């Protein structure tokens, strides 16, 4: 499932706030639109996956504070 692939990609390559992936980067990687990225991120968050975001993009939270 693409959501699992997204979680794996963020955990492996975009862990921590300083390594955020832009929405555009994720759109190109998965061949989807920005709204679909947001839906996938929201679904992962509902499942308890620690995906965070800031003005730079999305990242896998490396600390409890993130």
N, C-alpha and C. Protein backbone atom coordinates (compact mmCIF):
# COMPACT_ATOMS: atom_id res chain seq x y z
N UNK A 1 0.84 -1.19 0.00
CA UNK A 1 0.00 0.00 0.00
C UNK A 1 0.88 1.25 0.00
N UNK A 2 0.45 2.26 -0.69
CA UNK A 2 1.28 3.47 -0.81
C UNK A 2 1.51 4.15 0.53
N UNK A 3 0.54 4.09 1.43
CA UNK A 3 0.71 4.72 2.74
C UNK A 3 1.90 4.10 3.48
N UNK A 4 2.00 2.80 3.42
CA UNK A 4 3.12 2.11 4.07
C UNK A 4 4.45 2.50 3.43
N UNK A 5 4.45 2.62 2.12
CA UNK A 5 5.67 3.04 1.42
C UNK A 5 6.05 4.46 1.81
N UNK A 6 5.05 5.34 1.96
CA UNK A 6 5.32 6.71 2.38
C UNK A 6 5.91 6.73 3.78
N UNK A 7 5.33 5.98 4.70
CA UNK A 7 5.85 5.93 6.07
C UNK A 7 7.29 5.43 6.08
N UNK A 8 7.56 4.39 5.31
CA UNK A 8 8.91 3.83 5.24
C UNK A 8 9.90 4.84 4.67
N UNK A 9 9.51 5.52 3.60
CA UNK A 9 10.39 6.52 2.98
C UNK A 9 10.70 7.65 3.96
N UNK A 10 9.67 8.16 4.64
CA UNK A 10 9.90 9.25 5.58
C UNK A 10 10.76 8.80 6.75
N UNK A 11 10.50 7.59 7.26
CA UNK A 11 11.30 7.11 8.39
C UNK A 11 12.76 6.90 7.98
N UNK A 12 12.98 6.38 6.80
CA UNK A 12 14.34 6.05 6.36
C UNK A 12 15.13 7.29 5.93
N UNK A 13 14.51 8.19 5.17
CA UNK A 13 15.25 9.29 4.56
C UNK A 13 14.90 10.69 5.07
N UNK A 14 13.79 10.80 5.78
CA UNK A 14 13.34 12.12 6.22
C UNK A 14 12.97 12.11 7.70
N UNK A 15 13.87 11.57 8.48
CA UNK A 15 13.67 11.50 9.92
C UNK A 15 14.17 12.80 10.56
N UNK A 16 13.32 13.44 11.31
CA UNK A 16 13.69 14.68 11.96
C UNK A 16 13.32 15.90 11.14
N UNK A 17 13.04 16.96 11.85
CA UNK A 17 12.57 18.21 11.23
C UNK A 17 13.53 18.76 10.18
N UNK A 18 14.81 18.62 10.41
CA UNK A 18 15.80 19.18 9.48
C UNK A 18 15.87 18.41 8.15
N UNK A 19 15.21 17.26 8.07
CA UNK A 19 15.23 16.44 6.85
C UNK A 19 13.87 16.37 6.17
N UNK A 20 13.05 17.37 6.35
CA UNK A 20 11.68 17.34 5.81
C UNK A 20 11.68 17.20 4.29
N UNK A 21 10.68 16.46 3.80
CA UNK A 21 10.46 16.30 2.36
C UNK A 21 9.32 17.21 1.96
N UNK A 22 9.49 17.95 0.90
CA UNK A 22 8.42 18.83 0.44
C UNK A 22 7.27 18.00 -0.13
N UNK A 23 6.10 18.60 -0.11
CA UNK A 23 4.94 17.94 -0.70
C UNK A 23 5.22 17.64 -2.17
N UNK A 24 5.83 18.57 -2.85
CA UNK A 24 6.13 18.39 -4.28
C UNK A 24 7.06 17.19 -4.50
N UNK A 25 8.05 17.05 -3.65
CA UNK A 25 8.96 15.90 -3.75
C UNK A 25 8.19 14.59 -3.59
N UNK A 26 7.27 14.54 -2.63
CA UNK A 26 6.48 13.33 -2.41
C UNK A 26 5.51 13.10 -3.56
N UNK A 27 4.95 14.17 -4.11
CA UNK A 27 4.06 14.05 -5.26
C UNK A 27 4.80 13.39 -6.42
N UNK A 28 6.01 13.85 -6.69
CA UNK A 28 6.79 13.31 -7.81
C UNK A 28 7.23 11.87 -7.53
N UNK A 29 7.61 11.58 -6.32
CA UNK A 29 8.05 10.24 -5.96
C UNK A 29 6.95 9.21 -6.14
N UNK A 30 5.72 9.58 -5.72
CA UNK A 30 4.61 8.63 -5.77
C UNK A 30 3.69 8.82 -6.96
N UNK A 31 3.92 9.86 -7.76
CA UNK A 31 3.09 10.09 -8.93
C UNK A 31 1.65 10.44 -8.56
N UNK A 32 1.50 11.26 -7.52
CA UNK A 32 0.18 11.64 -7.04
C UNK A 32 0.10 13.15 -6.87
N UNK A 33 -1.10 13.64 -6.53
CA UNK A 33 -1.31 15.08 -6.32
C UNK A 33 -1.16 15.42 -4.84
N UNK A 34 -0.99 16.69 -4.55
CA UNK A 34 -0.79 17.16 -3.19
C UNK A 34 -1.90 16.77 -2.24
N UNK A 35 -3.14 16.80 -2.69
CA UNK A 35 -4.26 16.42 -1.82
C UNK A 35 -4.15 14.96 -1.42
N UNK A 36 -3.65 14.13 -2.32
CA UNK A 36 -3.48 12.72 -2.02
C UNK A 36 -2.36 12.51 -0.99
N UNK A 37 -1.31 13.31 -1.08
CA UNK A 37 -0.25 13.25 -0.08
C UNK A 37 -0.85 13.58 1.28
N UNK A 38 -1.64 14.63 1.35
CA UNK A 38 -2.25 15.02 2.63
C UNK A 38 -3.16 13.93 3.17
N UNK A 39 -3.93 13.30 2.31
CA UNK A 39 -4.82 12.22 2.75
C UNK A 39 -4.00 11.04 3.30
N UNK A 40 -2.92 10.70 2.61
CA UNK A 40 -2.07 9.60 3.07
C UNK A 40 -1.44 9.93 4.41
N UNK A 41 -0.93 11.15 4.56
CA UNK A 41 -0.32 11.57 5.82
C UNK A 41 -1.35 11.52 6.95
N UNK A 42 -2.55 12.01 6.69
CA UNK A 42 -3.59 12.00 7.72
C UNK A 42 -3.97 10.57 8.11
N UNK A 43 -4.05 9.67 7.15
CA UNK A 43 -4.36 8.27 7.45
C UNK A 43 -3.26 7.65 8.31
N UNK A 44 -2.01 7.94 7.98
CA UNK A 44 -0.89 7.42 8.77
C UNK A 44 -0.93 7.97 10.19
N UNK A 45 -1.22 9.24 10.32
CA UNK A 45 -1.32 9.85 11.65
C UNK A 45 -2.43 9.19 12.46
N UNK A 46 -3.57 8.92 11.84
CA UNK A 46 -4.68 8.25 12.54
C UNK A 46 -4.26 6.87 13.02
N UNK A 47 -3.38 6.23 12.27
CA UNK A 47 -2.88 4.90 12.64
C UNK A 47 -1.74 4.97 13.65
N UNK A 48 -1.39 6.17 14.08
CA UNK A 48 -0.36 6.33 15.11
C UNK A 48 1.06 6.48 14.61
N UNK A 49 1.24 6.61 13.30
CA UNK A 49 2.58 6.81 12.75
C UNK A 49 2.96 8.27 12.98
N UNK A 50 4.14 8.51 13.57
CA UNK A 50 4.52 9.89 13.94
C UNK A 50 5.02 10.74 12.78
N UNK A 51 4.12 11.05 11.86
CA UNK A 51 4.46 11.93 10.74
C UNK A 51 4.15 13.36 11.17
N UNK A 52 5.13 14.20 11.10
CA UNK A 52 4.98 15.61 11.47
C UNK A 52 5.18 16.47 10.23
N UNK A 53 4.88 17.75 10.37
CA UNK A 53 5.07 18.67 9.25
C UNK A 53 5.39 20.05 9.78
N UNK A 54 6.01 20.81 8.90
CA UNK A 54 6.31 22.22 9.19
C UNK A 54 6.28 22.96 7.85
N UNK A 55 6.74 24.18 7.83
CA UNK A 55 6.75 24.96 6.61
C UNK A 55 7.63 24.38 5.51
N UNK A 56 8.54 23.50 5.89
CA UNK A 56 9.45 22.89 4.92
C UNK A 56 8.90 21.61 4.30
N UNK A 57 7.96 20.96 4.99
CA UNK A 57 7.41 19.73 4.45
C UNK A 57 7.06 18.72 5.52
N UNK A 58 7.08 17.45 5.13
CA UNK A 58 6.71 16.34 6.01
C UNK A 58 7.96 15.59 6.43
N UNK A 59 7.91 15.06 7.66
CA UNK A 59 9.05 14.28 8.16
C UNK A 59 8.56 13.30 9.21
N UNK A 60 9.37 12.28 9.43
CA UNK A 60 9.10 11.31 10.46
C UNK A 60 9.65 11.89 11.76
N UNK A 61 8.81 12.05 12.76
CA UNK A 61 9.23 12.66 14.02
C UNK A 61 10.34 11.84 14.68
N UNK A 62 11.46 12.47 14.92
CA UNK A 62 12.60 11.78 15.52
C UNK A 62 12.59 11.89 17.05
N UNK A 63 11.83 12.84 17.58
CA UNK A 63 11.75 13.02 19.04
C UNK A 63 10.27 13.21 19.42
N UNK A 64 9.99 13.09 20.69
CA UNK A 64 8.63 13.30 21.18
C UNK A 64 8.18 14.74 20.96
N UNK A 65 9.11 15.69 20.99
CA UNK A 65 8.78 17.09 20.82
C UNK A 65 8.35 17.41 19.38
N UNK A 66 8.85 16.66 18.44
CA UNK A 66 8.49 16.92 17.04
C UNK A 66 7.08 16.40 16.78
